[in-house]
């Protein structure tokens, strides 16, 4: 049993999209920092996914052979709103995901992550293809769309029913925040003009061991104490602030056999630690429960960089990987 680290290339999206780094530059960076594996968003970095050209695939083969980074997980989106007059039929959804499984197999991946809210009806039809191509599929459990959401519960119920090693979960560590990311708070106050009293209200919930979900009632209306201080300008902050959850690790106990992969969310490294998530505690939980798989750095602080400040994706990812390796070494030797 071993916990291994990888990096989601989503973490370096600003470098890539603004052409400061090519895909090969990213591979060099990963190799230089001794990263074991990678997680890819084909929609973002592989042209014409899920049907890339043979030239694109050969370039991928070259990168894998040259830099020796293990392809761990391919992040798949089910774009049910491709057309402006209708959503995709069940058959179209399944066919799209079959193509993603085939592409993942061709690229050397043995796992695809299904974005949150993918419906449970895809599970049984996909299993024969997952088995044939040796590619498991796993639903992302993401903050704001985690275990309490009906669609997530429906997927998990069907996952348990079929009980296949090719169907499981990817858990995003954004459900384990012990405080709201500081960079998120700063950006909203300094750039969007969010009322500091609103920010302090959400901070106070975490101080009590709660999270942003407790700012709303069962109908998702703001509780009176929040409604009394909130204005229209504060709504962008409020609508995202309940997406940072403070879930007990023990919630995972009954799901551990199904968990294929983890997204280890990163917003801000400060003094060698991630500001919002206790990764030493989470890694200890995984170690104690014999987790054998990858934990993937997923940097999202890039969206909260203040205007005029430099992008720090590479520095943040490197610091996060160093922290993870340090803790894993302490626990597993």
C-alpha atoms as a PDB file:
ATOM      1  CA  UNK A   1       0.000   0.000   0.000  1.00  0.00           C
ATOM      2  CA  UNK A   2       1.300   3.472  -0.841  1.00  0.00           C
ATOM      3  CA  UNK A   3       0.136   7.034  -1.238  1.00  0.00           C
ATOM      4  CA  UNK A   4       1.634   8.582  -4.366  1.00  0.00           C
ATOM      5  CA  UNK A   5       1.574  12.159  -5.642  1.00  0.00           C
ATOM      6  CA  UNK A   6       0.680  13.654  -8.972  1.00  0.00           C
ATOM      7  CA  UNK A   7      -0.206  17.060 -10.401  1.00  0.00           C
ATOM      8  CA  UNK A   8      -3.354  18.064 -12.224  1.00  0.00           C
ATOM      9  CA  UNK A   9      -2.337  20.120 -15.242  1.00  0.00           C
ATOM     10  CA  UNK A  10      -5.368  22.266 -14.423  1.00  0.00           C
ATOM     11  CA  UNK A  11      -2.979  23.767 -11.867  1.00  0.00           C
ATOM     12  CA  UNK A  12      -0.907  25.291 -14.667  1.00  0.00           C
ATOM     13  CA  UNK A  13      -3.736  26.437 -16.895  1.00  0.00           C
ATOM     14  CA  UNK A  14      -2.834  30.131 -16.855  1.00  0.00           C
ATOM     15  CA  UNK A  15       0.734  29.343 -17.912  1.00  0.00           C
ATOM     16  CA  UNK A  16      -0.650  27.172 -20.710  1.00  0.00           C
ATOM     17  CA  UNK A  17      -3.525  29.330 -21.935  1.00  0.00           C
ATOM     18  CA  UNK A  18      -1.391  32.463 -22.027  1.00  0.00           C
ATOM     19  CA  UNK A  19       1.322  30.569 -23.913  1.00  0.00           C
ATOM     20  CA  UNK A  20       4.032  30.986 -21.314  1.00  0.00           C
ATOM     21  CA  UNK A  21       4.307  27.189 -21.243  1.00  0.00           C
ATOM     22  CA  UNK A  22       3.660  24.557 -23.888  1.00  0.00           C
ATOM     23  CA  UNK A  23       2.548  21.058 -22.982  1.00  0.00           C
ATOM     24  CA  UNK A  24       6.171  19.959 -23.332  1.00  0.00           C
ATOM     25  CA  UNK A  25       7.312  22.797 -21.062  1.00  0.00           C
ATOM     26  CA  UNK A  26       4.862  21.511 -18.464  1.00  0.00           C
ATOM     27  CA  UNK A  27       6.273  17.991 -18.758  1.00  0.00           C
ATOM     28  CA  UNK A  28       9.795  19.349 -18.268  1.00  0.00           C
ATOM     29  CA  UNK A  29       8.620  21.242 -15.201  1.00  0.00           C
ATOM     30  CA  UNK A  30       7.026  18.109 -13.716  1.00  0.00           C
ATOM     31  CA  UNK A  31      10.152  16.061 -14.354  1.00  0.00           C
ATOM     32  CA  UNK A  32      12.415  18.727 -12.833  1.00  0.00           C
ATOM     33  CA  UNK A  33      10.294  18.690  -9.673  1.00  0.00           C
ATOM     34  CA  UNK A  34      10.266  14.876  -9.497  1.00  0.00           C
ATOM     35  CA  UNK A  35       6.492  14.635  -9.890  1.00  0.00           C
ATOM     36  CA  UNK A  36       5.392  10.996 -10.088  1.00  0.00           C
ATOM     37  CA  UNK A  37       2.199  11.305 -12.132  1.00  0.00           C
ATOM     38  CA  UNK A  38      -0.072  13.685 -13.982  1.00  0.00           C
ATOM     39  CA  UNK A  39      -3.756  14.368 -14.324  1.00  0.00           C
ATOM     40  CA  UNK A  40      -4.890  15.785 -17.657  1.00  0.00           C
ATOM     41  CA  UNK A  41      -7.857  17.797 -18.884  1.00  0.00           C
ATOM     42  CA  UNK A  42      -7.984  16.634 -22.510  1.00  0.00           C
ATOM     43  CA  UNK A  43     -10.628  19.256 -23.353  1.00  0.00           C
ATOM     44  CA  UNK A  44      -8.105  21.908 -22.398  1.00  0.00           C
ATOM     45  CA  UNK A  45      -4.828  20.547 -23.758  1.00  0.00           C
ATOM     46  CA  UNK A  46      -5.533  17.899 -26.417  1.00  0.00           C
ATOM     47  CA  UNK A  47      -7.044  19.411 -29.567  1.00  0.00           C
ATOM     48  CA  UNK A  48     -10.290  17.903 -30.845  1.00  0.00           C
ATOM     49  CA  UNK A  49     -10.816  15.635 -27.838  1.00  0.00           C
ATOM     50  CA  UNK A  50     -12.163  12.938 -27.731  1.00  0.00           C
ATOM     51  CA  UNK A  51     -11.076  12.416 -31.344  1.00  0.00           C
ATOM     52  CA  UNK A  52      -7.592  13.936 -31.592  1.00  0.00           C
ATOM     53  CA  UNK A  53      -5.491  13.573 -34.706  1.00  0.00           C
ATOM     54  CA  UNK A  54      -2.878  10.863 -35.024  1.00  0.00           C
ATOM     55  CA  UNK A  55      -0.281  13.629 -35.001  1.00  0.00           C
ATOM     56  CA  UNK A  56      -1.533  14.816 -31.583  1.00  0.00           C
ATOM     57  CA  UNK A  57      -1.437  11.277 -30.229  1.00  0.00           C
ATOM     58  CA  UNK A  58       2.085  10.701 -31.505  1.00  0.00           C
ATOM     59  CA  UNK A  59       3.191  13.913 -29.796  1.00  0.00           C
ATOM     60  CA  UNK A  60       1.629  12.639 -26.570  1.00  0.00           C
ATOM     61  CA  UNK A  61       3.506   9.335 -26.966  1.00  0.00           C
ATOM     62  CA  UNK A  62       6.730  11.293 -27.398  1.00  0.00           C
ATOM     63  CA  UNK A  63       6.080  13.298 -24.218  1.00  0.00           C
ATOM     64  CA  UNK A  64       5.327  10.170 -22.189  1.00  0.00           C
ATOM     65  CA  UNK A  65       8.414   8.371 -23.465  1.00  0.00           C
ATOM     66  CA  UNK A  66      10.695  11.364 -23.010  1.00  0.00           C
ATOM     67  CA  UNK A  67       9.669  12.636 -19.563  1.00  0.00           C
ATOM     68  CA  UNK A  68       8.501   9.400 -17.900  1.00  0.00           C
ATOM     69  CA  UNK A  69       5.577  10.997 -16.044  1.00  0.00           C
ATOM     70  CA  UNK A  70       2.864   8.422 -15.332  1.00  0.00           C
ATOM     71  CA  UNK A  71      -0.566   9.245 -16.816  1.00  0.00           C
ATOM     72  CA  UNK A  72      -2.825   8.777 -13.791  1.00  0.00           C
ATOM     73  CA  UNK A  73      -6.230  10.337 -14.432  1.00  0.00           C
ATOM     74  CA  UNK A  74      -8.035  11.922 -17.378  1.00  0.00           C
ATOM     75  CA  UNK A  75     -10.629  14.538 -16.364  1.00  0.00           C
ATOM     76  CA  UNK A  76     -13.801  14.148 -18.399  1.00  0.00           C
ATOM     77  CA  UNK A  77     -16.722  16.532 -18.744  1.00  0.00           C
ATOM     78  CA  UNK A  78     -20.148  15.431 -19.941  1.00  0.00           C
ATOM     79  CA  UNK A  79     -21.265  18.429 -21.980  1.00  0.00           C
ATOM     80  CA  UNK A  80     -24.998  17.783 -22.034  1.00  0.00           C
ATOM     81  CA  UNK A  81     -25.669  21.326 -23.318  1.00  0.00           C
ATOM     82  CA  UNK A  82     -23.804  21.029 -26.624  1.00  0.00           C
ATOM     83  CA  UNK A  83     -26.937  22.223 -28.439  1.00  0.00           C
ATOM     84  CA  UNK A  84     -28.852  25.400 -27.686  1.00  0.00           C
ATOM     85  CA  UNK A  85     -32.288  23.839 -28.193  1.00  0.00           C
ATOM     86  CA  UNK A  86     -31.993  20.593 -26.200  1.00  0.00           C
ATOM     87  CA  UNK A  87     -29.898  18.527 -23.834  1.00  0.00           C
ATOM     88  CA  UNK A  88     -28.201  15.345 -24.940  1.00  0.00           C
ATOM     89  CA  UNK A  89     -30.163  12.111 -24.923  1.00  0.00           C
ATOM     90  CA  UNK A  90     -29.097   9.262 -22.652  1.00  0.00           C
ATOM     91  CA  UNK A  91     -27.673   7.426 -25.649  1.00  0.00           C
ATOM     92  CA  UNK A  92     -25.631  10.458 -26.705  1.00  0.00           C
ATOM     93  CA  UNK A  93     -24.282  10.875 -23.170  1.00  0.00           C
ATOM     94  CA  UNK A  94     -23.200   7.246 -23.019  1.00  0.00           C
ATOM     95  CA  UNK A  95     -21.621   7.331 -26.489  1.00  0.00           C
ATOM     96  CA  UNK A  96     -19.589  10.419 -25.573  1.00  0.00           C
ATOM     97  CA  UNK A  97     -18.257   8.739 -22.449  1.00  0.00           C
ATOM     98  CA  UNK A  98     -17.425   5.558 -24.364  1.00  0.00           C
ATOM     99  CA  UNK A  99     -15.273   7.680 -26.671  1.00  0.00           C
ATOM    100  CA  UNK A 100     -13.563   9.197 -23.608  1.00  0.00           C
ATOM    101  CA  UNK A 101     -12.815   5.718 -22.241  1.00  0.00           C
ATOM    102  CA  UNK A 102     -11.288   4.675 -25.560  1.00  0.00           C
ATOM    103  CA  UNK A 103      -9.156   7.825 -25.716  1.00  0.00           C
ATOM    104  CA  UNK A 104      -7.983   7.376 -22.118  1.00  0.00           C
ATOM    105  CA  UNK A 105      -6.913   3.833 -22.963  1.00  0.00           C
ATOM    106  CA  UNK A 106      -5.016   5.038 -26.028  1.00  0.00           C
ATOM    107  CA  UNK A 107      -3.212   7.682 -23.967  1.00  0.00           C
ATOM    108  CA  UNK A 108      -2.213   5.289 -21.201  1.00  0.00           C
ATOM    109  CA  UNK A 109      -4.695   6.289 -18.495  1.00  0.00           C
ATOM    110  CA  UNK A 110      -6.501   3.712 -16.369  1.00  0.00           C
ATOM    111  CA  UNK A 111      -8.923   6.179 -14.773  1.00  0.00           C
ATOM    112  CA  UNK A 112     -11.257   8.894 -15.973  1.00  0.00           C
ATOM    113  CA  UNK A 113     -12.830  11.395 -13.618  1.00  0.00           C
ATOM    114  CA  UNK A 114     -16.471  12.169 -14.334  1.00  0.00           C
ATOM    115  CA  UNK A 115     -17.336  15.747 -13.430  1.00  0.00           C
ATOM    116  CA  UNK A 116     -19.827  16.195 -10.582  1.00  0.00           C
ATOM    117  CA  UNK A 117     -23.522  15.713 -11.407  1.00  0.00           C
ATOM    118  CA  UNK A 118     -22.992  13.102 -14.134  1.00  0.00           C
ATOM    119  CA  UNK A 119     -26.180  11.018 -13.895  1.00  0.00           C
ATOM    120  CA  UNK A 120     -26.239   7.486 -12.560  1.00  0.00           C
ATOM    121  CA  UNK A 121     -27.808   6.059 -15.724  1.00  0.00           C
ATOM    122  CA  UNK A 122     -24.388   6.011 -17.423  1.00  0.00           C
ATOM    123  CA  UNK A 123     -22.899   3.471 -15.008  1.00  0.00           C
ATOM    124  CA  UNK A 124     -24.216   0.132 -16.189  1.00  0.00           C
ATOM    125  CA  UNK A 125     -23.864   0.795 -19.945  1.00  0.00           C
ATOM    126  CA  UNK A 126     -20.264   1.967 -19.462  1.00  0.00           C
ATOM    127  CA  UNK A 127     -19.059  -1.026 -17.463  1.00  0.00           C
ATOM    128  CA  UNK A 128     -18.436  -3.389 -20.427  1.00  0.00           C
ATOM    129  CA  UNK A 129     -16.248  -0.722 -22.082  1.00  0.00           C
ATOM    130  CA  UNK A 130     -14.439   0.105 -18.850  1.00  0.00           C
ATOM    131  CA  UNK A 131     -13.618  -3.585 -18.421  1.00  0.00           C
ATOM    132  CA  UNK A 132     -12.606  -4.066 -22.058  1.00  0.00           C
ATOM    133  CA  UNK A 133     -10.247  -1.082 -22.097  1.00  0.00           C
ATOM    134  CA  UNK A 134      -9.170  -1.390 -18.446  1.00  0.00           C
ATOM    135  CA  UNK A 135     -10.231   2.184 -17.641  1.00  0.00           C
ATOM    136  CA  UNK A 136     -12.198   2.826 -14.463  1.00  0.00           C
ATOM    137  CA  UNK A 137     -14.556   5.797 -14.200  1.00  0.00           C
ATOM    138  CA  UNK A 138     -15.187   7.761 -11.011  1.00  0.00           C
ATOM    139  CA  UNK A 139     -17.540  10.593 -10.080  1.00  0.00           C
ATOM    140  CA  UNK A 140     -15.996  13.664  -8.511  1.00  0.00           C
ATOM    141  CA  UNK A 141     -17.246  14.461  -5.012  1.00  0.00           C
ATOM    142  CA  UNK A 142     -16.777  18.219  -5.055  1.00  0.00           C
ATOM    143  CA  UNK A 143     -17.587  20.890  -2.481  1.00  0.00           C
ATOM    144  CA  UNK A 144     -21.022  22.327  -3.177  1.00  0.00           C
ATOM    145  CA  UNK A 145     -22.000  19.079  -4.938  1.00  0.00           C
ATOM    146  CA  UNK A 146     -20.869  16.500  -2.427  1.00  0.00           C
ATOM    147  CA  UNK A 147     -22.508  13.689  -0.496  1.00  0.00           C
ATOM    148  CA  UNK A 148     -25.716  15.533   0.387  1.00  0.00           C
ATOM    149  CA  UNK A 149     -26.752  16.342  -3.195  1.00  0.00           C
ATOM    150  CA  UNK A 150     -29.527  14.106  -4.656  1.00  0.00           C
ATOM    151  CA  UNK A 151     -27.643  13.541  -7.925  1.00  0.00           C
ATOM    152  CA  UNK A 152     -24.526  12.478  -6.029  1.00  0.00           C
ATOM    153  CA  UNK A 153     -26.523  10.163  -3.785  1.00  0.00           C
ATOM    154  CA  UNK A 154     -28.141   8.608  -6.842  1.00  0.00           C
ATOM    155  CA  UNK A 155     -24.780   7.905  -8.464  1.00  0.00           C
ATOM    156  CA  UNK A 156     -23.416   6.405  -5.244  1.00  0.00           C
ATOM    157  CA  UNK A 157     -26.459   4.156  -4.805  1.00  0.00           C
ATOM    158  CA  UNK A 158     -26.028   2.741  -8.307  1.00  0.00           C
ATOM    159  CA  UNK A 159     -22.250   2.466  -7.808  1.00  0.00           C
ATOM    160  CA  UNK A 160     -22.815   0.387  -4.686  1.00  0.00           C
ATOM    161  CA  UNK A 161     -25.418  -1.750  -6.436  1.00  0.00           C
ATOM    162  CA  UNK A 162     -23.162  -2.726  -9.354  1.00  0.00           C
ATOM    163  CA  UNK A 163     -20.140  -3.026  -7.007  1.00  0.00           C
ATOM    164  CA  UNK A 164     -17.563  -3.010  -9.797  1.00  0.00           C
ATOM    165  CA  UNK A 165     -13.853  -2.197  -9.458  1.00  0.00           C
ATOM    166  CA  UNK A 166     -14.324  -0.074 -12.582  1.00  0.00           C
ATOM    167  CA  UNK A 167     -16.789   2.368 -10.991  1.00  0.00           C
ATOM    168  CA  UNK A 168     -15.932   4.624  -8.068  1.00  0.00           C
ATOM    169  CA  UNK A 169     -15.326   8.104  -6.695  1.00  0.00           C
ATOM    170  CA  UNK A 170     -12.781  10.920  -6.920  1.00  0.00           C
ATOM    171  CA  UNK A 171     -12.822  12.985  -3.732  1.00  0.00           C
ATOM    172  CA  UNK A 172     -11.951  16.674  -3.880  1.00  0.00           C
ATOM    173  CA  UNK A 173     -10.325  17.958  -0.677  1.00  0.00           C
ATOM    174  CA  UNK A 174     -12.304  21.189  -0.936  1.00  0.00           C
ATOM    175  CA  UNK A 175     -14.804  19.340   1.265  1.00  0.00           C
ATOM    176  CA  UNK A 176     -12.212  19.356   4.090  1.00  0.00           C
ATOM    177  CA  UNK A 177     -11.608  23.088   4.553  1.00  0.00           C
ATOM    178  CA  UNK A 178     -11.080  24.288   8.109  1.00  0.00           C
ATOM    179  CA  UNK A 179     -11.199  27.898   6.895  1.00  0.00           C
ATOM    180  CA  UNK A 180     -12.099  29.793   3.732  1.00  0.00           C
ATOM    181  CA  UNK A 181      -9.135  30.449   1.428  1.00  0.00           C
ATOM    182  CA  UNK A 182      -7.562  33.755   2.367  1.00  0.00           C
ATOM    183  CA  UNK A 183      -6.871  34.576  -1.294  1.00  0.00           C
ATOM    184  CA  UNK A 184     -10.590  34.210  -2.034  1.00  0.00           C
ATOM    185  CA  UNK A 185     -11.520  36.593   0.753  1.00  0.00           C
ATOM    186  CA  UNK A 186      -8.867  39.146  -0.241  1.00  0.00           C
ATOM    187  CA  UNK A 187      -9.810  39.121  -3.918  1.00  0.00           C
ATOM    188  CA  UNK A 188     -13.491  39.600  -3.210  1.00  0.00           C
ATOM    189  CA  UNK A 189     -12.939  42.481  -0.795  1.00  0.00           C
ATOM    190  CA  UNK A 190     -10.211  44.288  -2.746  1.00  0.00           C
ATOM    191  CA  UNK A 191     -11.416  43.711  -6.317  1.00  0.00           C
ATOM    192  CA  UNK A 192     -15.166  43.084  -6.110  1.00  0.00           C
ATOM    193  CA  UNK A 193     -15.901  45.306  -3.133  1.00  0.00           C
ATOM    194  CA  UNK A 194     -17.431  42.632  -0.896  1.00  0.00           C
ATOM    195  CA  UNK A 195     -18.501  43.940   2.503  1.00  0.00           C
ATOM    196  CA  UNK A 196     -15.849  42.870   5.070  1.00  0.00           C
ATOM    197  CA  UNK A 197     -18.677  42.130   7.528  1.00  0.00           C
ATOM    198  CA  UNK A 198     -19.992  39.472   5.138  1.00  0.00           C
ATOM    199  CA  UNK A 199     -16.537  37.914   4.880  1.00  0.00           C
ATOM    200  CA  UNK A 200     -16.182  37.947   8.659  1.00  0.00           C
ATOM    201  CA  UNK A 201     -19.593  36.273   9.002  1.00  0.00           C
ATOM    202  CA  UNK A 202     -18.410  33.317   6.926  1.00  0.00           C
ATOM    203  CA  UNK A 203     -15.057  33.236   8.717  1.00  0.00           C
ATOM    204  CA  UNK A 204     -16.919  33.039  12.035  1.00  0.00           C
ATOM    205  CA  UNK A 205     -18.774  29.923  10.881  1.00  0.00           C
ATOM    206  CA  UNK A 206     -15.474  28.124  10.314  1.00  0.00           C
ATOM    207  CA  UNK A 207     -14.201  29.386  13.661  1.00  0.00           C
ATOM    208  CA  UNK A 208     -17.098  27.456  15.214  1.00  0.00           C
ATOM    209  CA  UNK A 209     -16.189  24.279  13.318  1.00  0.00           C
ATOM    210  CA  UNK A 210     -18.980  24.809  10.776  1.00  0.00           C
ATOM    211  CA  UNK A 211     -18.779  25.934   7.138  1.00  0.00           C
ATOM    212  CA  UNK A 212     -20.489  28.129   4.561  1.00  0.00           C
ATOM    213  CA  UNK A 213     -23.406  25.747   4.088  1.00  0.00           C
ATOM    214  CA  UNK A 214     -24.652  26.853   7.522  1.00  0.00           C
ATOM    215  CA  UNK A 215     -25.292  30.355   6.199  1.00  0.00           C
ATOM    216  CA  UNK A 216     -28.444  29.084   4.463  1.00  0.00           C
ATOM    217  CA  UNK A 217     -31.653  27.338   5.471  1.00  0.00           C
ATOM    218  CA  UNK A 218     -33.028  24.158   3.900  1.00  0.00           C
ATOM    219  CA  UNK A 219     -34.525  26.161   1.022  1.00  0.00           C
ATOM    220  CA  UNK A 220     -31.098  27.759   0.455  1.00  0.00           C
ATOM    221  CA  UNK A 221     -32.324  31.147   1.613  1.00  0.00           C
ATOM    222  CA  UNK A 222     -29.849  33.281   3.528  1.00  0.00           C
ATOM    223  CA  UNK A 223     -30.240  33.113   7.276  1.00  0.00           C
ATOM    224  CA  UNK A 224     -31.511  36.368   8.833  1.00  0.00           C
ATOM    225  CA  UNK A 225     -28.156  37.433  10.299  1.00  0.00           C
ATOM    226  CA  UNK A 226     -26.529  37.211   6.852  1.00  0.00           C
ATOM    227  CA  UNK A 227     -29.473  38.746   4.987  1.00  0.00           C
ATOM    228  CA  UNK A 228     -29.317  41.740   7.339  1.00  0.00           C
ATOM    229  CA  UNK A 229     -25.832  42.750   6.164  1.00  0.00           C
ATOM    230  CA  UNK A 230     -25.720  41.471   2.570  1.00  0.00           C
ATOM    231  CA  UNK A 231     -26.252  43.643  -0.504  1.00  0.00           C
ATOM    232  CA  UNK A 232     -26.337  42.861  -4.215  1.00  0.00           C
ATOM    233  CA  UNK A 233     -22.604  43.565  -4.451  1.00  0.00           C
ATOM    234  CA  UNK A 234     -21.924  40.770  -1.959  1.00  0.00           C
ATOM    235  CA  UNK A 235     -23.814  38.067  -3.852  1.00  0.00           C
ATOM    236  CA  UNK A 236     -20.927  36.771  -6.009  1.00  0.00           C
ATOM    237  CA  UNK A 237     -18.972  36.111  -2.809  1.00  0.00           C
ATOM    238  CA  UNK A 238     -21.916  34.587  -0.947  1.00  0.00           C
ATOM    239  CA  UNK A 239     -22.910  32.253  -3.757  1.00  0.00           C
ATOM    240  CA  UNK A 240     -19.436  30.691  -3.812  1.00  0.00           C
ATOM    241  CA  UNK A 241     -18.619  30.873  -0.121  1.00  0.00           C
ATOM    242  CA  UNK A 242     -20.847  27.908   0.674  1.00  0.00           C
ATOM    243  CA  UNK A 243     -18.699  25.868  -1.734  1.00  0.00           C
ATOM    244  CA  UNK A 244     -15.973  25.486   0.879  1.00  0.00           C
ATOM    245  CA  UNK A 245     -17.063  22.632   3.117  1.00  0.00           C
ATOM    246  CA  UNK A 246     -15.802  21.381   6.466  1.00  0.00           C
ATOM    247  CA  UNK A 247     -16.586  17.668   6.331  1.00  0.00           C
ATOM    248  CA  UNK A 248     -15.328  15.182   8.949  1.00  0.00           C
ATOM    249  CA  UNK A 249     -12.819  12.703   7.519  1.00  0.00           C
ATOM    250  CA  UNK A 250     -14.945   9.890   8.933  1.00  0.00           C
ATOM    251  CA  UNK A 251     -17.566  10.612   6.282  1.00  0.00           C
ATOM    252  CA  UNK A 252     -15.293   8.680   3.922  1.00  0.00           C
ATOM    253  CA  UNK A 253     -15.227   5.518   6.053  1.00  0.00           C
ATOM    254  CA  UNK A 254     -17.959   3.662   4.181  1.00  0.00           C
ATOM    255  CA  UNK A 255     -16.723   4.820   0.777  1.00  0.00           C
ATOM    256  CA  UNK A 256     -13.015   4.007   1.025  1.00  0.00           C
ATOM    257  CA  UNK A 257     -13.261   0.822  -1.062  1.00  0.00           C
ATOM    258  CA  UNK A 258     -14.737   2.891  -3.915  1.00  0.00           C
ATOM    259  CA  UNK A 259     -12.336   5.846  -3.831  1.00  0.00           C
ATOM    260  CA  UNK A 260      -9.995   5.763  -6.833  1.00  0.00           C
ATOM    261  CA  UNK A 261      -8.266   9.134  -6.571  1.00  0.00           C
ATOM    262  CA  UNK A 262      -8.069  12.409  -4.642  1.00  0.00           C
ATOM    263  CA  UNK A 263      -7.882  16.019  -5.749  1.00  0.00           C
ATOM    264  CA  UNK A 264      -5.778  17.781  -3.137  1.00  0.00           C
ATOM    265  CA  UNK A 265      -7.017  21.304  -3.585  1.00  0.00           C
ATOM    266  CA  UNK A 266      -4.529  24.143  -3.268  1.00  0.00           C
ATOM    267  CA  UNK A 267      -5.351  27.819  -2.899  1.00  0.00           C
ATOM    268  CA  UNK A 268      -2.385  29.182  -0.994  1.00  0.00           C
ATOM    269  CA  UNK A 269       0.809  27.737   0.398  1.00  0.00           C
ATOM    270  CA  UNK A 270       1.973  29.718   3.435  1.00  0.00           C
ATOM    271  CA  UNK A 271       4.988  28.772   5.562  1.00  0.00           C
ATOM    272  CA  UNK A 272       5.106  25.284   4.100  1.00  0.00           C
ATOM    273  CA  UNK A 273       1.411  24.511   4.687  1.00  0.00           C
ATOM    274  CA  UNK A 274      -1.794  24.894   2.710  1.00  0.00           C
ATOM    275  CA  UNK A 275      -3.760  27.680   4.384  1.00  0.00           C
ATOM    276  CA  UNK A 276      -7.255  26.133   4.278  1.00  0.00           C
ATOM    277  CA  UNK A 277      -6.812  22.332   4.423  1.00  0.00           C
ATOM    278  CA  UNK A 278      -4.982  20.282   7.046  1.00  0.00           C
ATOM    279  CA  UNK A 279      -3.183  17.940   4.673  1.00  0.00           C
ATOM    280  CA  UNK A 280      -1.152  16.301   7.398  1.00  0.00           C
ATOM    281  CA  UNK A 281      -4.382  15.246   9.069  1.00  0.00           C
ATOM    282  CA  UNK A 282      -5.987  14.104   5.833  1.00  0.00           C
ATOM    283  CA  UNK A 283      -2.924  12.112   4.770  1.00  0.00           C
ATOM    284  CA  UNK A 284      -2.791  10.488   8.193  1.00  0.00           C
ATOM    285  CA  UNK A 285      -6.425   9.433   7.776  1.00  0.00           C
ATOM    286  CA  UNK A 286      -5.667   7.946   4.347  1.00  0.00           C
ATOM    287  CA  UNK A 287      -2.571   6.193   5.672  1.00  0.00           C
ATOM    288  CA  UNK A 288      -4.520   4.731   8.600  1.00  0.00           C
ATOM    289  CA  UNK A 289      -7.173   3.464   6.167  1.00  0.00           C
ATOM    290  CA  UNK A 290      -4.633   1.851   3.819  1.00  0.00           C
ATOM    291  CA  UNK A 291      -5.342   4.114   0.864  1.00  0.00           C
ATOM    292  CA  UNK A 292      -3.330   2.891  -2.116  1.00  0.00           C
ATOM    293  CA  UNK A 293      -3.424   5.479  -4.875  1.00  0.00           C
ATOM    294  CA  UNK A 294      -2.632   8.988  -5.997  1.00  0.00           C
ATOM    295  CA  UNK A 295      -3.314  12.367  -4.449  1.00  0.00           C
ATOM    296  CA  UNK A 296      -3.240  15.115  -7.056  1.00  0.00           C
ATOM    297  CA  UNK A 297      -2.248  18.748  -6.512  1.00  0.00           C
ATOM    298  CA  UNK A 298      -5.017  20.912  -7.984  1.00  0.00           C
ATOM    299  CA  UNK A 299      -4.170  24.603  -7.731  1.00  0.00           C
ATOM    300  CA  UNK A 300      -7.116  27.006  -7.876  1.00  0.00           C
ATOM    301  CA  UNK A 301      -5.552  30.047  -6.267  1.00  0.00           C
ATOM    302  CA  UNK A 302      -4.760  31.224  -9.796  1.00  0.00           C
ATOM    303  CA  UNK A 303      -8.288  32.573 -10.172  1.00  0.00           C
ATOM    304  CA  UNK A 304      -7.845  34.823  -7.128  1.00  0.00           C
ATOM    305  CA  UNK A 305      -4.567  36.529  -8.051  1.00  0.00           C
ATOM    306  CA  UNK A 306      -4.920  40.268  -7.402  1.00  0.00           C
ATOM    307  CA  UNK A 307      -4.597  42.567 -10.439  1.00  0.00           C
ATOM    308  CA  UNK A 308      -1.002  43.602 -11.028  1.00  0.00           C
ATOM    309  CA  UNK A 309       0.390  40.664  -9.065  1.00  0.00           C
ATOM    310  CA  UNK A 310       2.422  37.938 -10.772  1.00  0.00           C
ATOM    311  CA  UNK A 311       0.979  34.516 -11.511  1.00  0.00           C
ATOM    312  CA  UNK A 312       2.527  31.982  -9.121  1.00  0.00           C
ATOM    313  CA  UNK A 313       1.204  28.662 -10.395  1.00  0.00           C
ATOM    314  CA  UNK A 314       4.611  27.004 -10.729  1.00  0.00           C
ATOM    315  CA  UNK A 315       5.820  28.145  -7.325  1.00  0.00           C
ATOM    316  CA  UNK A 316       2.634  27.129  -5.542  1.00  0.00           C
ATOM    317  CA  UNK A 317       2.492  23.684  -7.169  1.00  0.00           C
ATOM    318  CA  UNK A 318       6.134  22.972  -6.345  1.00  0.00           C
ATOM    319  CA  UNK A 319       5.621  23.994  -2.701  1.00  0.00           C
ATOM    320  CA  UNK A 320       2.494  21.863  -2.388  1.00  0.00           C
ATOM    321  CA  UNK A 321       4.212  18.808  -3.849  1.00  0.00           C
ATOM    322  CA  UNK A 322       7.130  19.255  -1.472  1.00  0.00           C
ATOM    323  CA  UNK A 323       4.739  19.394   1.488  1.00  0.00           C
ATOM    324  CA  UNK A 324       2.901  16.251   0.385  1.00  0.00           C
ATOM    325  CA  UNK A 325       6.107  14.295  -0.120  1.00  0.00           C
ATOM    326  CA  UNK A 326       7.365  15.394   3.294  1.00  0.00           C
ATOM    327  CA  UNK A 327       4.259  14.169   5.082  1.00  0.00           C
ATOM    328  CA  UNK A 328       4.056  10.926   3.122  1.00  0.00           C
ATOM    329  CA  UNK A 329       7.701  10.208   3.919  1.00  0.00           C
ATOM    330  CA  UNK A 330       7.046  10.787   7.611  1.00  0.00           C
ATOM    331  CA  UNK A 331       4.078   8.401   7.594  1.00  0.00           C
ATOM    332  CA  UNK A 332       5.164   5.692   5.202  1.00  0.00           C
ATOM    333  CA  UNK A 333       8.946   5.897   5.240  1.00  0.00           C
END
